[in-house]
Protein backbone atom coordinates (compact mmCIF):
# COMPACT_ATOMS: atom_id res chain seq x y z
CA MET A 1 96.98 304.17 28.45
CA SER A 2 97.63 301.58 31.16
CA CYS A 3 97.51 297.91 30.27
CA ILE A 4 96.28 295.10 32.52
CA ASN A 5 98.45 291.97 32.40
CA GLU A 6 97.27 288.59 33.69
CA PRO A 7 93.93 289.88 34.98
CA VAL A 8 92.47 286.48 36.00
CA LEU A 9 93.37 285.11 39.44
CA ASN A 10 91.28 281.92 39.66
CA ILE A 11 88.59 279.92 37.90
CA ILE A 12 86.24 278.19 40.35
CA VAL A 13 83.50 275.66 39.56
CA VAL A 14 80.47 275.74 41.88
CA GLY A 15 77.76 273.09 41.79
CA PHE A 16 74.48 272.53 43.60
CA HIS A 17 74.23 269.41 45.75
CA HIS A 18 70.76 268.23 46.74
CA LYS A 19 71.87 267.77 50.38
CA LYS A 20 74.90 270.00 50.87
CA GLY A 21 73.70 272.95 48.82
CA CYS A 22 76.14 275.14 46.90
CA GLN A 23 79.68 273.78 47.02
CA VAL A 24 83.02 274.20 45.27
CA GLU A 25 83.84 271.34 42.92
CA HIS A 26 87.06 272.57 41.36
CA CYS A 27 89.46 275.48 41.64
CA TYR A 28 92.30 276.40 39.29
CA PRO A 29 94.89 277.38 40.38
CA GLU A 30 94.29 275.80 43.77
CA LEU A 31 93.80 278.22 46.64
CA VAL A 32 94.70 275.52 49.16
CA PRO A 33 97.52 273.34 47.77
CA GLY A 34 96.45 269.75 47.28
CA ARG A 35 92.78 270.47 48.05
CA PRO A 36 91.06 271.99 44.99
CA THR A 37 87.59 272.03 46.60
CA GLU A 38 88.44 274.21 49.59
CA LEU A 39 88.20 277.97 49.97
CA PRO A 40 89.91 280.46 52.28
CA LEU A 41 87.88 282.00 55.06
CA ALA A 42 87.48 285.34 53.28
CA TRP A 43 85.77 283.64 50.32
CA ARG A 44 83.69 281.09 52.21
CA HIS A 45 80.42 282.53 50.88
CA LEU A 46 81.51 282.56 47.25
CA PRO A 47 79.37 279.49 46.35
CA ALA A 48 76.18 281.26 47.46
CA LEU A 49 77.15 284.31 45.39
CA ALA A 50 77.98 282.25 42.29
CA LEU A 51 74.65 280.37 42.48
CA PRO A 52 72.29 283.12 43.68
CA ASP A 53 68.82 282.85 45.13
CA GLY A 54 66.27 281.80 42.55
CA SER A 55 68.83 280.62 40.00
CA HIS A 56 66.92 277.34 39.61
CA ASN A 57 64.20 279.35 37.82
CA TYR A 58 66.53 280.28 34.95
CA LEU A 59 68.46 278.27 32.38
CA SER A 60 71.45 280.64 32.39
CA ASP A 61 72.60 283.88 33.93
CA THR A 62 75.77 285.92 34.53
CA ILE A 63 76.31 287.51 37.94
CA PHE A 64 78.85 290.13 39.01
CA PHE A 65 80.03 290.53 42.61
CA HIS A 66 82.96 291.78 44.70
CA LEU A 67 85.21 289.96 47.15
CA PRO A 68 87.95 291.11 49.52
CA GLY A 69 91.47 290.40 48.34
CA LEU A 70 93.47 287.56 49.90
CA THR A 71 97.03 288.87 49.63
CA GLU A 72 95.97 292.49 50.14
CA PRO A 73 93.04 292.73 52.59
CA ALA A 74 92.49 296.39 51.66
CA HIS A 75 92.06 295.57 47.98
CA THR A 76 88.91 294.41 46.18
CA VAL A 77 88.82 291.60 43.63
CA TYR A 78 86.05 291.18 41.08
CA ALA A 79 84.11 288.04 40.17
CA ILE A 80 82.08 287.06 37.12
CA SER A 81 79.95 283.94 37.56
CA CYS A 82 78.38 282.24 34.53
CA PHE A 83 75.54 279.94 35.58
CA ARG A 84 73.87 277.26 33.44
CA GLN A 85 71.25 274.57 34.01
CA ILE A 86 70.67 271.56 31.73
CA PRO A 87 68.43 268.44 31.92
CA ILE A 88 70.02 265.36 33.43
CA GLU A 89 69.53 263.54 30.12
CA GLN A 90 72.16 265.73 28.46
CA VAL A 91 74.86 264.68 30.94
CA VAL A 92 77.10 261.97 29.47
CA GLN A 93 79.02 261.05 32.62
CA LYS A 94 76.56 260.96 35.50
CA THR A 95 77.58 260.71 39.14
CA GLU A 96 75.75 259.27 42.15
CA ASP A 97 74.88 262.69 43.56
CA MET A 98 72.95 263.65 40.40
CA THR A 99 69.49 262.80 41.72
CA ARG A 100 67.45 265.67 40.32
CA SER A 101 65.96 266.22 36.88
CA SER A 102 68.46 268.99 36.08
CA VAL A 103 72.07 269.86 36.81
CA GLN A 104 73.07 273.36 37.97
CA LYS A 105 76.65 274.57 37.86
CA SER A 106 78.43 277.89 37.73
CA VAL A 107 81.91 278.80 36.53
CA CYS A 108 83.27 281.78 38.46
CA VAL A 109 86.19 283.88 37.27
CA VAL A 110 87.96 286.01 39.89
CA CYS A 111 90.09 288.82 38.48
CA GLN A 112 92.09 291.73 39.78
CA SER A 113 90.40 294.37 37.61
CA PRO A 114 86.69 295.11 37.02
CA LEU A 115 86.55 293.62 33.51
CA PHE A 116 82.95 292.56 33.98
CA GLY A 117 81.41 292.97 30.54
CA ARG A 118 84.52 291.99 28.59
CA LEU A 119 85.18 288.74 30.45
CA ALA A 120 81.49 287.86 30.70
CA VAL A 121 81.15 287.51 26.93
CA LYS A 122 84.15 285.19 26.69
CA MET A 123 83.24 283.09 29.70
CA GLU A 124 79.67 282.55 28.51
CA LEU A 125 81.07 280.90 25.38
CA VAL A 126 83.53 278.80 27.40
CA VAL A 127 80.84 277.63 29.84
CA ARG A 128 78.48 276.75 26.99
CA ALA A 129 81.17 274.60 25.35
CA TRP A 130 81.98 272.95 28.68
CA PHE A 131 78.35 272.00 29.24
CA LEU A 132 78.08 270.59 25.72
CA GLN A 133 80.82 268.10 26.62
CA GLY A 134 78.41 266.46 29.06
CA ASP A 135 81.31 265.41 31.33
CA PHE A 136 81.94 267.85 34.17
CA SER A 137 84.97 265.95 35.42
CA GLN A 138 86.90 267.17 32.38
CA THR A 139 88.18 270.62 33.36
CA LYS A 140 90.98 271.04 30.82
CA LEU A 141 88.79 273.40 28.80
CA LEU A 142 88.48 275.71 31.80
CA GLU A 143 92.20 275.58 32.51
CA ASP A 144 92.94 276.46 28.87
CA ALA A 145 90.51 279.38 29.17
CA TYR A 146 92.40 280.62 32.25
CA LYS A 147 95.69 280.61 30.35
CA HIS A 148 94.15 282.24 27.28
CA LEU A 149 92.58 285.09 29.25
CA ASN A 150 95.87 285.86 30.98
CA ASN A 151 97.78 285.84 27.70
CA CYS A 152 95.55 288.55 26.26
CA PRO A 153 96.34 291.89 27.96
CA VAL A 154 93.52 294.42 28.03
CA GLN A 155 93.33 298.20 28.35
CA ILE A 156 91.90 299.87 31.43
CA ASP A 157 89.23 301.66 29.39
CA GLN A 158 87.79 298.28 28.38
CA THR A 159 86.31 297.92 31.85
CA LEU A 160 83.24 299.80 30.61
CA GLU A 161 82.40 297.25 27.91
CA GLY A 162 79.05 295.54 28.27
CA LEU A 163 77.60 298.11 30.71
CA SER A 164 75.03 300.08 28.73
CA VAL A 165 74.21 303.42 30.32
CA LEU A 166 71.91 304.05 27.35
CA ARG A 167 69.65 301.25 28.54
CA LEU A 168 69.74 302.74 32.04
CA VAL A 169 68.72 306.19 30.78
CA GLU A 170 65.99 304.79 28.55
CA SER A 171 64.54 302.85 31.48
CA TRP A 172 64.76 305.47 34.23
CA ARG A 173 64.68 308.56 32.00
CA HIS A 174 64.92 311.71 34.18
CA LYS A 175 65.29 309.58 37.31
CA ALA A 176 68.75 308.51 36.14
CA LEU A 177 70.00 311.89 37.36
CA LEU A 178 68.23 311.33 40.68
CA LEU A 179 70.04 307.99 41.11
CA PHE A 180 73.32 309.62 40.09
CA LYS A 181 72.97 312.30 42.78
CA LEU A 182 71.93 309.66 45.29
CA LEU A 183 75.30 307.94 44.90
CA LEU A 184 77.08 311.18 45.77
CA LEU A 185 75.33 311.36 49.16
CA ARG A 186 76.78 308.02 50.39
CA ARG A 187 73.52 306.78 51.90
CA ARG A 188 72.42 303.20 52.58
CA VAL A 189 70.93 302.11 49.26
CA LEU A 190 69.46 298.67 48.55
CA VAL A 191 68.83 297.79 44.92
CA TYR A 192 66.33 294.94 44.76
CA GLY A 193 65.47 292.89 41.69
CA SER A 194 65.50 289.53 39.99
CA PRO A 195 67.25 287.75 38.34
CA ALA A 196 70.60 288.50 39.92
CA GLY A 197 72.46 288.97 36.63
CA PRO A 198 70.61 292.05 35.30
CA LEU A 199 70.46 293.36 38.87
CA SER A 200 74.23 293.37 39.37
CA ALA A 201 74.82 294.71 35.86
CA ALA A 202 72.39 297.60 36.41
CA LEU A 203 74.09 298.58 39.67
CA LEU A 204 77.55 298.60 38.07
CA THR A 205 76.18 300.55 35.10
CA LEU A 206 74.91 303.22 37.46
CA VAL A 207 78.33 303.39 39.16
CA SER A 208 80.00 303.76 35.76
CA LEU A 209 78.28 307.15 35.35
CA LEU A 210 80.69 308.50 37.98
CA PRO A 211 83.84 309.63 36.13
CA ARG A 212 86.69 307.08 36.40
CA CYS A 213 84.95 305.35 39.30
CA LEU A 214 84.55 301.88 37.80
CA GLU A 215 88.13 301.86 36.51
CA HIS A 216 89.92 303.30 39.53
CA GLY A 217 87.43 303.94 42.35
CA LEU A 218 86.39 300.47 43.56
CA GLY A 219 89.67 299.37 45.09
CA LYS A 220 88.20 299.44 48.62
CA ALA A 221 84.55 298.87 47.74
CA ALA A 222 84.38 295.45 49.48
CA ASN A 223 86.64 296.15 52.44
CA VAL A 224 85.88 297.43 55.92
CA VAL A 225 87.28 296.76 59.38
CA LEU A 226 84.31 295.02 60.99
CA SER A 227 83.48 294.88 64.68
CA ARG A 228 82.25 291.28 64.50
CA PRO A 229 84.85 288.63 63.62
CA LEU A 230 82.21 286.27 62.20
CA SER A 231 81.21 288.68 59.45
CA PRO A 232 81.97 287.59 55.87
CA ILE A 233 84.62 290.26 55.28
CA PRO A 234 87.90 289.69 57.15
CA MET A 235 89.50 292.18 59.51
CA ALA A 236 92.13 294.29 57.77
CA PRO A 237 95.24 294.67 59.97
CA ASP A 238 96.42 298.14 60.92
CA ASN A 239 100.10 297.23 60.54
CA LYS A 240 100.86 296.92 56.86
CA SER A 241 104.03 294.93 57.55
CA GLU A 242 101.86 292.08 58.82
CA ASP A 243 99.70 291.89 55.67
CA VAL A 244 101.51 288.90 54.21
CA ASP A 245 101.44 286.89 57.43
CA THR A 246 97.80 287.67 58.03
CA ALA A 247 96.84 286.72 54.49
CA THR A 248 98.72 283.44 54.89
CA ASP A 249 96.78 282.68 58.07
CA ILE A 250 93.51 283.37 56.29
CA VAL A 251 94.34 281.03 53.44
CA ASN A 252 95.28 278.29 55.92
CA GLU A 253 91.80 278.33 57.47
CA PRO A 254 89.78 276.53 54.78
CA TYR A 255 86.08 275.90 54.65
CA VAL A 256 85.22 272.61 53.02
CA ASN A 257 83.08 273.25 49.94
CA GLY A 258 82.60 276.85 50.96
CA SER A 259 80.55 276.07 54.08
CA GLN A 260 80.80 274.32 57.40
CA ILE A 261 80.06 270.61 57.57
CA ASP A 262 76.99 271.21 59.75
CA ASP A 263 75.28 273.25 57.04
CA GLU A 264 72.63 271.18 55.28
CA LEU A 265 70.30 273.76 53.79
CA THR A 266 71.42 276.54 51.45
CA PRO A 267 70.12 280.07 51.75
CA LYS A 268 68.32 279.42 48.50
CA GLU A 269 66.30 276.57 50.02
CA SER A 270 65.62 278.28 53.29
CA GLY A 271 64.80 281.58 51.60
CA ASN A 272 62.17 279.94 49.41
CA LEU A 273 60.32 278.67 52.51
CA LEU A 274 59.45 282.23 53.47
CA GLU A 275 56.96 284.33 51.59
CA GLU A 276 56.81 288.08 51.61
CA LYS A 277 54.13 288.83 54.20
CA ASP A 278 54.89 292.35 55.24
CA ARG A 279 55.10 294.61 52.25
CA VAL A 280 57.44 297.56 52.53
CA SER A 281 55.34 300.65 53.01
CA ARG A 282 55.82 302.84 50.00
CA GLN A 283 56.29 306.52 50.43
CA SER A 284 56.62 308.88 47.56
CA PHE A 285 57.60 312.38 46.63
CA ASP A 286 54.10 313.82 46.96
CA GLU A 287 52.66 316.81 45.20
CA THR A 288 52.98 318.99 48.31
CA LEU A 289 56.72 318.44 48.53
CA LEU A 290 57.18 319.13 44.84
CA ALA A 291 55.09 322.27 45.11
CA ASP A 292 57.30 323.52 47.95
CA VAL A 293 60.39 323.01 45.86
CA ASP A 294 58.76 324.76 42.91
CA ARG A 295 57.82 327.76 45.02
CA GLN A 296 61.39 328.07 46.26
CA ASP A 297 62.63 327.70 42.70
CA LEU A 298 60.30 330.40 41.41
CA ALA A 299 60.99 332.75 44.31
CA SER A 300 64.68 332.72 43.48
CA ARG A 301 63.84 333.74 39.93
CA GLU A 302 61.74 336.72 41.04
CA LYS A 303 64.96 338.33 42.19
CA CYS A 304 66.91 337.38 39.09
CA HIS A 305 65.19 336.74 35.78
CA SER A 306 68.20 336.26 33.54
CA VAL A 307 71.67 334.81 33.68
CA GLY A 308 73.15 338.11 32.59
CA GLU A 309 71.68 339.95 35.60
CA LYS A 310 72.89 337.26 37.95
CA TYR A 311 76.53 337.71 36.97
CA LYS A 312 76.82 341.47 36.57
CA THR A 313 78.77 341.80 39.82
CA GLN A 314 81.10 338.94 38.89
CA LYS A 315 81.80 339.94 35.30
CA PRO A 316 85.58 340.30 35.68
CA LEU A 317 85.78 336.82 37.22
CA VAL A 318 84.06 335.02 34.37
CA GLU A 319 85.13 337.24 31.49
CA ALA A 320 86.61 334.25 29.68
CA GLN A 321 83.28 332.45 29.51
CA GLN A 322 80.26 334.69 29.07
CA SER A 323 76.85 333.08 29.59
CA PRO A 324 78.09 329.46 29.57
CA THR A 325 74.60 328.02 29.78
CA MET A 326 72.76 325.51 27.67
CA ALA A 327 69.26 326.93 28.17
CA ARG A 328 69.16 328.11 24.56
CA ASP A 329 71.97 326.00 23.16
CA MET A 330 70.54 322.50 23.19
CA SER A 331 73.07 321.18 20.68
CA VAL A 332 74.36 317.67 21.15
CA ASP A 333 77.95 318.62 22.02
CA GLY A 334 77.25 321.98 23.62
CA LEU A 335 77.81 320.87 27.21
CA TYR A 336 80.81 318.67 26.51
CA ASN A 337 82.54 321.44 24.56
CA LEU A 338 82.58 323.54 27.74
CA THR A 339 84.53 320.88 29.66
CA SER A 340 86.30 318.85 26.95
CA GLN A 341 89.66 320.44 27.71
CA ILE A 342 89.50 319.60 31.43
CA ASP A 343 91.52 316.61 32.61
CA GLN A 344 89.29 314.43 34.80
CA ALA A 345 92.25 313.20 36.87
CA GLU A 346 93.21 316.82 37.54
CA CYS A 347 89.68 317.44 38.82
CA GLY A 348 90.19 314.80 41.51
CA PHE A 349 88.25 311.99 39.83
CA PRO A 350 87.36 309.40 40.86
CA LEU A 351 85.78 310.77 44.00
CA SER A 352 86.58 308.77 47.13
CA LEU A 353 83.01 307.51 47.49
CA PHE A 354 83.58 303.81 48.17
CA GLU A 355 86.06 304.12 51.00
CA ASP A 356 86.06 304.52 54.78
CA GLY A 357 83.30 302.01 55.44
CA TYR A 358 81.11 302.74 52.41
CA LEU A 359 80.58 299.53 50.41
CA CYS A 360 79.67 298.87 46.78
CA LEU A 361 78.58 295.26 46.29
CA PRO A 362 76.71 294.48 43.04
CA TYR A 363 75.19 291.33 44.50
CA LEU A 364 74.80 289.93 48.03
CA SER A 365 73.56 286.54 49.19
CA LEU A 366 71.59 285.98 52.36
CA GLN A 367 74.73 285.21 54.40
CA TYR A 368 75.73 288.87 54.13
CA LEU A 369 72.57 290.18 55.75
CA ASP A 370 74.32 290.75 59.08
CA LEU A 371 77.11 292.64 57.33
CA LEU A 372 74.84 295.58 56.57
CA SER A 373 74.05 296.11 60.25
CA ASP A 374 77.67 296.11 61.39
CA PRO A 375 78.56 299.40 63.17
CA ALA A 376 81.68 299.75 61.04
CA VAL A 377 79.61 299.98 57.83
CA GLN A 378 78.95 303.69 57.28
CA GLY A 379 76.81 303.16 54.20
CA PHE A 380 76.45 301.02 51.11
CA VAL A 381 74.96 300.53 47.68
CA VAL A 382 74.25 296.83 47.28
CA GLY A 383 72.16 294.55 45.09
CA ALA A 384 69.99 291.73 46.44
CA SER A 385 67.41 289.34 45.00
CA ASN A 386 66.26 287.71 48.26
CA VAL A 387 63.07 289.23 49.62
CA LEU A 388 64.40 289.02 53.19
CA PHE A 389 66.72 291.93 52.44
CA LYS A 390 63.76 294.10 51.51
CA GLN A 391 61.91 293.23 54.69
CA LYS A 392 64.76 294.55 56.87
CA ARG A 393 63.70 298.16 56.53
CA GLN A 394 65.93 299.35 59.35
CA LEU A 395 69.02 298.41 57.34
CA PHE A 396 68.62 300.85 54.44
CA ASP A 397 67.63 304.44 53.72
CA VAL A 398 66.55 303.98 50.11
CA LEU A 399 65.02 301.00 48.33
CA VAL A 400 65.38 300.91 44.54
CA GLU A 401 62.89 298.46 43.03
CA LEU A 402 64.60 297.53 39.79
CA ASN A 403 61.80 295.44 38.28
CA GLU A 404 59.09 297.97 39.16
CA MET A 405 61.22 301.03 38.31
CA ARG A 406 60.50 302.54 41.70
CA ILE A 407 62.51 304.39 44.35
CA GLU A 408 61.29 304.40 47.95
CA THR A 409 62.44 306.19 51.09
CA GLY A 410 60.89 307.22 54.37
CA ASP A 411 63.45 309.99 55.02
CA LEU A 412 61.71 313.31 54.38
CA MET A 413 64.99 315.24 54.40
CA LEU A 414 66.51 312.89 51.83
CA ARG A 415 63.44 313.29 49.62
CA ARG A 416 63.90 317.04 49.68
CA GLN A 417 67.61 316.70 48.90
CA LEU A 418 66.86 314.55 45.85
CA ALA A 419 64.14 316.77 44.39
CA LEU A 420 65.09 317.82 40.84
CA GLY A 421 64.71 321.49 39.98
CA THR A 422 64.08 323.04 36.59
CA GLU A 423 67.75 323.14 35.59
CA ASP A 424 68.31 319.52 36.57
CA LEU A 425 65.25 318.47 34.58
CA ARG A 426 66.58 320.36 31.56
CA PHE A 427 69.86 318.48 31.80
CA ALA A 428 68.13 315.11 32.25
CA ASP A 429 65.81 315.81 29.33
CA HIS A 430 68.80 316.75 27.18
CA VAL A 431 70.43 313.39 27.94
CA VAL A 432 67.22 311.43 27.39
CA ARG A 433 66.44 313.06 24.03
CA HIS A 434 69.93 312.73 22.54
CA GLY A 435 71.24 309.61 24.30
CA ALA A 436 69.79 307.10 21.84
CA SER A 437 71.55 308.71 18.87
CA GLN A 438 74.86 309.43 20.63
CA GLY A 439 75.59 306.28 22.62
CA ASP A 440 77.15 305.31 25.94
CA ALA A 441 80.36 307.35 25.74
CA TRP A 442 78.42 310.55 25.06
CA ILE A 443 76.09 309.94 28.00
CA ARG A 444 79.01 309.38 30.36
CA ASP A 445 80.62 312.60 29.11
CA GLN A 446 77.43 314.51 29.91
CA PHE A 447 77.32 313.27 33.48
CA ALA A 448 81.04 313.95 33.90
CA SER A 449 80.51 317.53 32.71
CA TYR A 450 77.55 317.91 35.07
CA LEU A 451 79.68 316.76 38.01
CA ILE A 452 82.51 319.12 37.05
CA TYR A 453 80.11 322.08 37.09
CA LEU A 454 78.60 320.89 40.37
CA LEU A 455 82.02 320.73 42.05
CA ARG A 456 82.98 324.12 40.62
CA THR A 457 79.79 325.67 41.98
CA SER A 458 80.24 323.99 45.38
CA LEU A 459 83.30 326.21 46.00
CA LEU A 460 81.06 329.29 46.28
CA PRO A 461 80.16 330.61 49.73
CA GLU A 462 77.15 329.08 51.41
CA GLY A 463 73.94 330.85 50.47
CA SER A 464 75.09 331.83 46.97
CA ARG A 465 72.20 331.92 44.52
CA GLU A 466 74.22 329.96 41.95
CA ILE A 467 73.90 326.89 44.20
CA ASP A 468 70.08 326.87 44.14
CA PRO A 469 69.68 325.20 40.70
CA TYR A 470 71.48 322.12 42.06
CA ASN A 471 69.13 322.08 45.09
CA ALA A 472 70.75 323.86 48.01
CA GLN A 473 69.76 321.09 50.41
CA PHE A 474 71.45 318.51 48.23
CA MET A 475 74.58 320.62 47.96
CA ALA A 476 74.80 321.03 51.73
CA ALA A 477 74.43 317.27 52.26
CA PHE A 478 77.01 316.50 49.57
CA LYS A 479 79.57 318.92 51.01
CA ALA A 480 79.19 317.23 54.41
CA THR A 481 80.23 313.79 53.07
CA PRO A 482 83.73 312.41 53.69
CA ALA A 483 84.15 312.01 49.93
CA TYR A 484 83.76 315.75 49.36
CA GLN A 485 86.14 316.59 52.22
CA GLN A 486 88.70 314.21 50.72
CA TRP A 487 88.21 315.89 47.34
CA LEU A 488 89.02 319.26 48.90
CA LYS A 489 92.24 317.85 50.36
CA THR A 490 93.23 316.21 47.10
CA THR A 491 92.65 319.37 45.05
CA ASN A 492 93.94 321.85 47.66
CA ASN A 493 90.46 323.23 48.34
CA GLY A 494 89.45 323.14 44.70
CA ASP A 495 92.55 324.94 43.44
CA ILE A 496 92.30 323.50 39.94
CA GLU A 497 93.72 325.41 37.02
CA ALA A 498 90.93 324.31 34.70
CA PHE A 499 88.35 325.78 37.09
CA ALA A 500 89.71 329.31 36.60
CA ASN A 501 87.85 329.77 33.30
CA LEU A 502 84.80 327.74 34.31
CA ALA A 503 81.84 329.77 35.56
CA PRO A 504 80.30 328.56 38.85
CA ILE A 505 76.82 328.01 37.48
CA HIS A 506 74.46 325.24 36.48
CA PRO A 507 75.14 324.57 32.77
CA PHE A 508 71.41 324.61 32.01
CA ALA A 509 70.53 327.72 34.01
CA GLY A 510 68.30 330.26 32.30
CA GLN A 511 64.85 331.75 32.04
CA LEU A 512 61.71 329.74 32.57
CA SER A 513 59.73 328.85 29.48
CA VAL A 514 56.61 326.98 28.49
CA ALA A 515 58.77 323.97 27.69
CA ASP A 516 60.02 323.98 31.29
CA MET A 517 56.47 323.96 32.61
CA LYS A 518 55.57 321.01 30.39
CA LEU A 519 58.66 319.16 31.55
CA LYS A 520 57.87 319.86 35.19
CA ILE A 521 54.31 318.61 34.85
CA ALA A 522 55.46 315.44 33.12
CA HIS A 523 58.03 314.91 35.87
CA THR A 524 55.40 315.42 38.57
CA MET A 525 53.08 312.93 36.89
CA SER A 526 55.83 310.31 36.90
CA THR A 527 57.11 310.92 40.44
CA SER A 528 53.95 311.44 42.47
CA GLU A 529 51.62 308.69 43.58
CA GLY A 530 48.61 310.72 42.46
CA GLY A 531 50.07 311.27 39.02
CA ARG A 532 50.75 307.58 38.64
CA LYS A 533 47.16 306.72 39.54
CA VAL A 534 45.82 309.31 37.11
CA THR A 535 47.98 307.96 34.30
CA ALA A 536 46.88 304.40 35.02
CA ALA A 537 43.23 305.45 35.18
CA VAL A 538 43.51 307.27 31.88
CA ALA A 539 45.05 304.22 30.25
CA SER A 540 42.06 302.10 31.28
CA THR A 541 39.66 304.87 30.27
CA GLY A 542 41.25 305.04 26.86
CA ARG A 543 40.76 301.32 26.36
CA ALA A 544 37.12 301.62 27.39
CA VAL A 545 36.57 304.50 25.00
CA ALA A 546 38.13 302.54 22.16
CA THR A 547 35.85 299.58 22.92
CA THR A 548 32.62 301.62 22.94
CA SER A 549 33.45 304.05 20.15
CA ARG A 550 31.79 301.94 17.49
CA ALA A 551 28.48 301.97 19.35
CA VAL A 552 28.28 305.65 20.08
CA GLY A 553 29.74 306.90 16.83
CA GLY A 554 32.67 309.16 16.23
CA ALA A 555 31.96 311.73 18.96
CA LEU A 556 33.84 309.87 21.65
CA SER A 557 36.73 309.20 19.31
CA GLN A 558 37.04 312.88 18.55
CA ALA A 559 36.90 313.78 22.24
CA ARG A 560 39.51 311.21 23.12
CA GLY A 561 41.70 312.39 20.25
CA ALA A 562 41.49 315.98 21.43
CA LEU A 563 42.34 314.97 24.98
CA SER A 564 45.27 312.81 23.87
CA GLY A 565 46.52 315.61 21.62
CA TRP A 566 46.38 318.07 24.51
CA TRP A 567 48.36 315.75 26.77
CA SER A 568 50.88 314.87 24.06
CA ALA A 569 51.52 318.56 23.47
CA LEU A 570 51.84 319.12 27.20
CA THR A 571 54.39 316.36 27.78
CA ALA A 572 56.30 316.70 24.52
CA PRO A 573 60.04 317.41 24.95
CA PRO A 574 61.22 320.98 24.45
CA PRO A 575 61.78 321.93 20.80
CA ASP A 576 65.30 322.12 19.41
CA ASP A 577 67.32 325.30 18.86
CA ALA A 578 65.43 327.30 16.21
CA ASP A 579 62.01 326.03 17.18
CA ALA A 580 62.70 326.78 20.82
CA GLU A 581 63.50 330.40 19.99
CA GLU A 582 60.26 330.83 18.03
CA ALA A 583 58.10 329.09 20.61
CA ARG A 584 59.60 330.83 23.64
CA PRO A 585 57.31 333.62 24.92
CA ASP A 586 58.56 336.98 26.07
CA ASP A 587 59.80 337.58 29.61
CA ASN A 588 56.44 338.86 30.86
CA ARG A 589 54.49 335.84 29.68
CA ALA A 590 57.12 333.47 31.07
CA GLU A 591 56.95 335.21 34.42
CA GLU A 592 53.15 335.01 34.45
CA ARG A 593 53.29 331.33 33.63
CA ALA A 594 55.83 330.77 36.41
CA HIS A 595 53.33 332.13 38.95
CA THR A 596 50.38 330.16 37.58
CA PRO A 597 49.51 327.20 39.83
CA ASP A 598 49.77 323.68 38.43
CA PRO A 599 46.59 322.45 36.70
CA PRO A 600 44.44 320.01 38.62
CA ASP A 601 44.71 316.28 38.06
CA LYS A 602 42.85 315.18 34.95
CA SER A 603 42.16 311.88 33.26
CA ILE A 604 44.92 311.87 30.70
CA GLU A 605 46.88 309.34 28.68
CA ASP A 606 50.52 309.50 27.70
CA THR A 607 51.19 307.34 24.66
CA SER A 608 54.67 308.71 23.95
CA THR A 609 56.44 307.82 27.21
CA SER A 610 55.84 304.96 29.61
CA LEU A 611 55.36 307.18 32.64
CA ASN A 612 53.19 304.63 34.35
CA LYS A 613 56.19 302.31 34.52
CA ILE A 614 58.31 304.82 36.41
CA GLN A 615 57.09 305.02 39.98
CA VAL A 616 59.58 307.10 41.91
CA ILE A 617 59.18 307.67 45.61
């Protein structure tokens, strides 16, 4: 396993000045010899990233962000900024510029590898001890921390520490798979939330679901050859022999305190002067769209009711792996056992998603707003806490509201591409039900196995029925991306030895059952605007019933209990192995249920899952 030596490049102290805004107060080692408070042109907006918008509302926070490399313009460096705020009374050595009731400072660590979670824990302790000194002119503690971090080599697999995909799955539930598939399409995605620390961590956690992406796939995530020279990211030269000279020129063009002398107001101050007046219109996956997808899904099953029938003509091809589905094998390790012997590097992972003008930036300050509209930017997945980003609707295709657990898009085609079918819902439900007991590594293995099966199935001819469970529209859009074309070149058109014994099929393909119908209804209630309103109305109705039950006796309580029991049974997760076999009806009853229209909206309450918190498109 590869080892990372001397991962830390610089430690930079950023403070907030009441007139000059965010500015660099110290840098070790110095980026500009003899001038420790100056930054190179490529990093001139680092102070605004280290002290993000709204940071004055919090006592402490830890923010992750990306920067372009200085010595290698086509390489990304990674920054961890630990922010703290203390009352002025706790400062022992006060200076003349300390005119406010509190002091805000951030210690930013820039490293060559994405060791976000691992370094964040250590730096939070260092910054806390530095603040307890009460004298910010004493930086020896920070310099000792720099030397200590570089004397402790780390392993490449430790880049995943501190990024909990379990928390992501528990929050988004089945929509975690929707977000995962959204990354594969390389669209313009804005993740909006506050504070900036949890926002940037959530975005990186989502990226870590992609196999080997966080460890090896972000090398060009902050680099693009821009058409406007004033953009925050520098122009990468075409001639590699001139890299060193160009980098030297960049370093020799300092910005005092990270900004020009004329700048008086920070983005944080100017951003707070504006209130959100125009709300982003919210469009959702409506019931009509979901019904269309369901009808297509059911129509495909009229022609083929079982996995065995579907593969009769291809039996010699998949002789080594008969019926490799998880529809009836819902064991914890069932899916991983099918792909555990496959080398992820041999499969072409990580996919080349964040290259060729597609950016991944966990956090952006207001100065980067013009970057997103540059013609050279083909797409992005970025995090922002300033409301002005959200108001620029023309800049993004998808808005992910982190605090409200909501996904919004006005692109009808994209909404159809992201619709989850029965098989996808089975997989997502499998991860949700077992994730809490298995942990982060298990969840990442499940998504890696899902992606392996998806890529294997994508090699089939267009129009193959095996593609339908993944959503044929999604598969067509995914195969049209530059990342997929690069994967074909890397793997010689999918000529992977491990794929020879892997059936081109969705791992959770199989017959429809009552459990599938319950899962689909629960998913519809959580994704549609009407379902959300019904769930909210039922919650208020339930409270009203509880309040008046004493006056009217036990009749209302019994009625409410019956209604709640009906809904709990309807939205309960599918039973495990043996119970699923007993509860599964015969083929005729399953087929009849498949053709039965969805029940009308009713006033119902879900006390087992917080569906009203998940408002997806």
